[in-house]
Amino acid sequence: MEKDYKAEFAILKKIQKPLSFQNLKIPKPNDHQLLIKIKYSYICGSQLNDINGNKGYDKFLPHTLGHEASGEVLKVGKKVNNFKRGDNVILSWIKRSGKDSSNPFYLDDENNVINSGHVSTFSRMSLVSKSRVYKIPKKMPMDLAALFGCAIPTGFGIIFKHVKKLKKNEFVGIYGVGGVGMMSIIALKSLGIKNIYAIDKNKKNLKIAKKLGCKKIYSLAAFNKNIINLKINKKLIKYN
């Protein structure tokens, strides 16, 4: 244990309860891990599902959270040869080639173990498996780079993998325009799809979706009302 490394973490101790913020002791990276100073991290629906208990019983409590971020390399393990101190990197749940390291862990002031996955990002620093770290292209802003940890590859991946053969005049519905939904809209526009509509409870997100090129935007209540009134022909919707 290197006493020099200690940082604040957001910890899930009980589902459906507020996160606990604590300073934790950080062990020395093992051979296949990196110690990262977190610069930007975003919140994905997966973390909200964890917090709200939507995934069922959580046998790993208490544990850290977060799986998309950008940061700076502070220290590398002995068998990490493609990164060095000072590198700007992306942290992602998406696994690259090679094996994962063992799961890292942290210790509170009473030396109780706080669990972690191969990557976690809701903290000032984080131990991460080298299989979940990617170099940031030169001149890319750190806040944008963090989106490549989940939102961008997930949103674009859904479109390019499953619906890239759409005809340009077919209708596509995006249900929920958070980070992944926004990226899906951008991907659809890049393919020349014109008839995109978005549904969300968040009015601000809907306005952004409109600016990104959605032909129609609906609150959830308004969309359901239009369906009932047969103002939207479901048969015209190719994917949603």
Protein backbone atom coordinates (compact mmCIF):
# COMPACT_ATOMS: atom_id res chain seq x y z
CA MET A 1 0.00 0.00 0.00
CA GLU A 2 1.36 3.44 -0.95
CA LYS A 3 0.15 5.98 1.59
CA ASP A 4 0.58 8.82 -0.92
CA TYR A 5 -2.50 7.78 -2.89
CA LYS A 6 -5.85 8.71 -1.45
CA ALA A 7 -8.88 10.27 -3.15
CA GLU A 8 -12.57 11.05 -2.76
CA PHE A 9 -15.04 8.52 -4.21
CA ALA A 10 -18.80 8.36 -4.64
CA ILE A 11 -19.79 4.97 -3.18
CA LEU A 12 -22.98 2.96 -3.48
CA LYS A 13 -23.55 1.41 -0.07
CA LYS A 14 -27.29 0.69 -0.23
CA ILE A 15 -29.61 0.62 -3.22
CA GLN A 16 -32.24 3.36 -3.44
CA LYS A 17 -30.16 5.51 -1.09
CA PRO A 18 -27.97 8.58 -1.73
CA LEU A 19 -24.35 7.87 -2.63
CA SER A 20 -21.77 8.19 0.12
CA PHE A 21 -18.73 10.43 -0.48
CA GLN A 22 -15.56 9.21 1.22
CA ASN A 23 -11.80 9.51 0.96
CA LEU A 24 -10.37 6.06 0.24
CA LYS A 25 -6.87 4.59 0.28
CA ILE A 26 -5.69 3.52 -3.15
CA PRO A 27 -3.41 0.48 -3.46
CA LYS A 28 -0.44 0.46 -5.80
CA PRO A 29 -1.49 -0.58 -9.36
CA ASN A 30 -0.86 -4.25 -10.04
CA ASP A 31 1.04 -5.35 -13.15
CA HIS A 32 -1.92 -4.77 -15.50
CA GLN A 33 -3.51 -1.66 -13.97
CA LEU A 34 -3.13 2.11 -14.27
CA LEU A 35 -3.78 4.83 -11.72
CA ILE A 36 -5.75 7.61 -13.41
CA LYS A 37 -6.54 11.16 -12.32
CA ILE A 38 -10.14 11.67 -13.43
CA LYS A 39 -10.82 14.88 -15.37
CA TYR A 40 -14.38 14.36 -16.69
CA SER A 41 -16.96 11.64 -16.07
CA TYR A 42 -20.54 11.25 -17.24
CA ILE A 43 -23.52 9.44 -15.77
CA CYS A 44 -25.03 6.57 -17.74
CA GLY A 45 -28.40 4.92 -17.25
CA SER A 46 -26.54 1.80 -16.12
CA GLN A 47 -25.34 3.63 -13.01
CA LEU A 48 -28.84 4.91 -12.30
CA ASN A 49 -30.10 1.34 -12.59
CA ASP A 50 -27.46 0.25 -10.08
CA ILE A 51 -28.39 3.00 -7.64
CA ASN A 52 -32.12 2.36 -7.96
CA GLY A 53 -31.77 -1.41 -7.64
CA ASN A 54 -33.25 -2.11 -11.08
CA LYS A 55 -30.73 -4.89 -11.66
CA GLY A 56 -31.85 -6.84 -8.62
CA TYR A 57 -29.75 -8.00 -5.69
CA ASP A 58 -26.28 -6.42 -5.61
CA LYS A 59 -23.78 -8.80 -4.00
CA PHE A 60 -20.84 -6.39 -4.44
CA LEU A 61 -22.01 -3.61 -2.10
CA PRO A 62 -20.38 -1.35 -1.14
CA HIS A 63 -18.79 -0.45 -4.48
CA THR A 64 -17.65 2.39 -6.69
CA LEU A 65 -19.52 3.52 -9.82
CA GLY A 66 -19.00 5.04 -13.26
CA HIS A 67 -17.76 3.64 -16.56
CA GLU A 68 -17.01 6.55 -18.92
CA ALA A 69 -14.43 9.25 -18.31
CA SER A 70 -11.31 11.04 -19.44
CA GLY A 71 -8.23 11.47 -17.33
CA GLU A 72 -4.46 11.63 -16.97
CA VAL A 73 -2.19 8.67 -16.26
CA LEU A 74 -0.44 9.02 -12.89
CA LYS A 75 1.13 5.58 -12.56
CA VAL A 76 1.32 2.36 -14.58
CA GLY A 77 1.76 -1.28 -13.64
CA LYS A 78 4.93 -3.18 -14.52
CA LYS A 79 3.36 -4.94 -17.53
CA VAL A 80 1.61 -1.87 -18.97
CA ASN A 81 3.81 -0.92 -21.91
CA ASN A 82 1.55 1.20 -24.13
CA PHE A 83 0.86 4.02 -21.66
CA LYS A 84 3.09 6.29 -19.61
CA ARG A 85 2.73 8.90 -16.90
CA GLY A 86 1.16 12.08 -18.26
CA ASP A 87 -0.81 10.44 -21.10
CA ASN A 88 -4.36 11.72 -21.58
CA VAL A 89 -6.73 8.76 -21.82
CA ILE A 90 -10.33 7.63 -22.20
CA LEU A 91 -11.79 5.17 -19.68
CA SER A 92 -14.54 2.89 -20.95
CA TRP A 93 -16.61 -0.14 -20.02
CA ILE A 94 -15.90 -1.35 -23.58
CA LYS A 95 -13.14 -3.94 -23.40
CA ARG A 96 -10.19 -3.76 -25.78
CA SER A 97 -8.04 -6.74 -26.77
CA GLY A 98 -6.22 -8.51 -23.96
CA LYS A 99 -7.27 -9.87 -20.60
CA ASP A 100 -8.76 -7.79 -17.82
CA SER A 101 -6.71 -7.34 -14.68
CA SER A 102 -8.09 -8.56 -11.38
CA ASN A 103 -10.74 -6.23 -9.99
CA PRO A 104 -9.22 -3.34 -8.04
CA PHE A 105 -10.40 -2.46 -4.55
CA TYR A 106 -10.03 0.43 -2.10
CA LEU A 107 -9.91 0.80 1.67
CA ASP A 108 -11.71 3.26 3.91
CA ASP A 109 -10.16 4.75 7.08
CA GLU A 110 -11.10 1.64 9.04
CA ASN A 111 -9.55 -0.62 6.35
CA ASN A 112 -12.93 -1.90 5.19
CA VAL A 113 -12.84 -3.06 1.56
CA ILE A 114 -14.74 -1.02 -1.03
CA ASN A 115 -15.26 -3.06 -4.20
CA SER A 116 -14.77 -1.88 -7.76
CA GLY A 117 -15.09 -3.19 -11.30
CA HIS A 118 -12.41 -3.12 -13.99
CA VAL A 119 -13.22 0.56 -14.47
CA SER A 120 -14.87 3.13 -12.20
CA THR A 121 -14.99 6.89 -12.67
CA PHE A 122 -17.01 8.63 -9.95
CA SER A 123 -13.88 9.71 -8.10
CA ARG A 124 -10.86 12.02 -8.15
CA MET A 125 -8.58 9.08 -8.99
CA SER A 126 -9.21 5.51 -10.09
CA LEU A 127 -7.42 2.19 -10.57
CA VAL A 128 -8.35 0.83 -13.99
CA SER A 129 -7.53 -2.32 -15.93
CA LYS A 130 -5.34 -1.57 -18.97
CA SER A 131 -7.97 -3.35 -21.10
CA ARG A 132 -10.39 -0.46 -20.44
CA VAL A 133 -8.04 2.43 -21.27
CA TYR A 134 -7.61 4.20 -24.65
CA LYS A 135 -5.36 7.06 -25.71
CA ILE A 136 -7.03 10.36 -26.57
CA PRO A 137 -6.28 11.70 -30.07
CA LYS A 138 -4.21 14.88 -30.05
CA LYS A 139 -6.12 18.16 -29.70
CA MET A 140 -9.36 16.44 -28.64
CA PRO A 141 -10.89 18.28 -25.63
CA MET A 142 -11.03 16.20 -22.46
CA ASP A 143 -14.76 16.82 -21.92
CA LEU A 144 -15.57 15.53 -25.40
CA ALA A 145 -13.16 12.61 -25.05
CA ALA A 146 -15.06 11.30 -22.03
CA LEU A 147 -18.13 10.72 -24.24
CA PHE A 148 -16.15 8.12 -26.19
CA GLY A 149 -16.22 5.96 -23.07
CA CYS A 150 -19.88 5.05 -23.60
CA ALA A 151 -22.33 7.50 -25.18
CA ILE A 152 -20.68 7.92 -28.58
CA PRO A 153 -19.72 4.28 -29.34
CA THR A 154 -23.04 2.99 -27.95
CA GLY A 155 -25.22 5.47 -29.86
CA PHE A 156 -23.33 5.17 -33.13
CA GLY A 157 -22.87 1.42 -32.70
CA ILE A 158 -26.62 0.80 -32.39
CA ILE A 159 -27.29 2.68 -35.63
CA PHE A 160 -24.39 1.43 -37.73
CA LYS A 161 -24.85 -2.18 -36.65
CA HIS A 162 -28.64 -2.54 -36.69
CA VAL A 163 -30.31 0.14 -38.81
CA LYS A 164 -27.73 1.39 -41.32
CA LYS A 165 -29.70 -0.19 -44.22
CA LEU A 166 -32.65 2.14 -43.70
CA LYS A 167 -34.00 4.06 -46.65
CA LYS A 168 -33.64 7.81 -46.24
CA ASN A 169 -37.43 8.44 -46.19
CA GLU A 170 -38.26 5.83 -43.54
CA PHE A 171 -39.32 6.86 -40.02
CA VAL A 172 -37.14 6.24 -36.98
CA GLY A 173 -38.17 6.93 -33.38
CA ILE A 174 -35.70 7.68 -30.59
CA TYR A 175 -37.20 6.95 -27.18
CA GLY A 176 -35.15 8.90 -24.65
CA VAL A 177 -32.67 11.51 -25.85
CA GLY A 178 -29.97 11.44 -23.20
CA GLY A 179 -26.34 10.90 -24.21
CA VAL A 180 -26.89 7.68 -26.18
CA GLY A 181 -30.09 8.98 -27.80
CA MET A 182 -28.37 12.18 -28.91
CA MET A 183 -25.52 10.22 -30.47
CA SER A 184 -28.03 7.97 -32.24
CA ILE A 185 -29.65 11.04 -33.79
CA ILE A 186 -26.28 12.32 -35.03
CA ALA A 187 -25.49 8.88 -36.47
CA LEU A 188 -28.86 8.74 -38.27
CA LYS A 189 -28.31 12.20 -39.73
CA SER A 190 -24.88 11.12 -40.98
CA LEU A 191 -26.66 8.36 -42.94
CA GLY A 192 -29.05 10.88 -44.47
CA ILE A 193 -32.14 9.73 -42.55
CA LYS A 194 -34.65 12.59 -42.58
CA ASN A 195 -37.75 11.40 -40.70
CA ILE A 196 -36.45 11.16 -37.13
CA TYR A 197 -38.70 11.82 -34.16
CA ALA A 198 -37.76 11.94 -30.49
CA ILE A 199 -39.73 11.28 -27.29
CA ASP A 200 -38.53 12.30 -23.85
CA LYS A 201 -39.79 13.66 -20.54
CA ASN A 202 -37.03 16.27 -20.50
CA LYS A 203 -37.97 19.41 -22.45
CA LYS A 204 -34.39 20.67 -22.60
CA ASN A 205 -33.22 17.42 -24.18
CA LEU A 206 -36.03 17.61 -26.73
CA LYS A 207 -34.97 21.11 -27.77
CA ILE A 208 -31.42 19.88 -28.32
CA ALA A 209 -32.75 16.92 -30.32
CA LYS A 210 -34.66 19.36 -32.52
CA LYS A 211 -31.48 21.35 -33.16
CA LEU A 212 -29.67 18.13 -34.07
CA GLY A 213 -32.17 17.49 -36.84
CA CYS A 214 -35.21 15.66 -35.46
CA LYS A 215 -38.23 16.32 -37.63
CA LYS A 216 -40.63 16.00 -34.71
CA ILE A 217 -40.21 16.06 -30.93
CA TYR A 218 -42.78 14.93 -28.37
CA SER A 219 -43.14 14.82 -24.65
CA LEU A 220 -44.13 11.32 -23.53
CA ALA A 221 -47.66 12.47 -22.72
CA ALA A 222 -48.10 14.22 -26.07
CA PHE A 223 -46.75 11.23 -27.98
CA ASN A 224 -49.14 8.82 -26.26
CA LYS A 225 -52.02 11.18 -26.99
CA ASN A 226 -51.12 11.34 -30.67
CA ILE A 227 -50.92 7.56 -30.85
CA ILE A 228 -54.38 7.28 -29.33
CA ASN A 229 -55.76 9.85 -31.76
CA LEU A 230 -54.11 7.99 -34.68
CA LYS A 231 -52.16 11.07 -35.65
CA ILE A 232 -49.04 8.91 -35.97
CA ASN A 233 -49.21 5.85 -38.18
CA LYS A 234 -47.21 3.18 -36.36
CA LYS A 235 -46.90 1.17 -39.60
CA LEU A 236 -44.62 3.87 -41.00
CA ILE A 237 -42.16 3.49 -38.14
CA LYS A 238 -39.39 1.16 -39.28
CA TYR A 239 -37.37 1.05 -36.04
CA ASN A 240 -37.79 2.55 -32.60
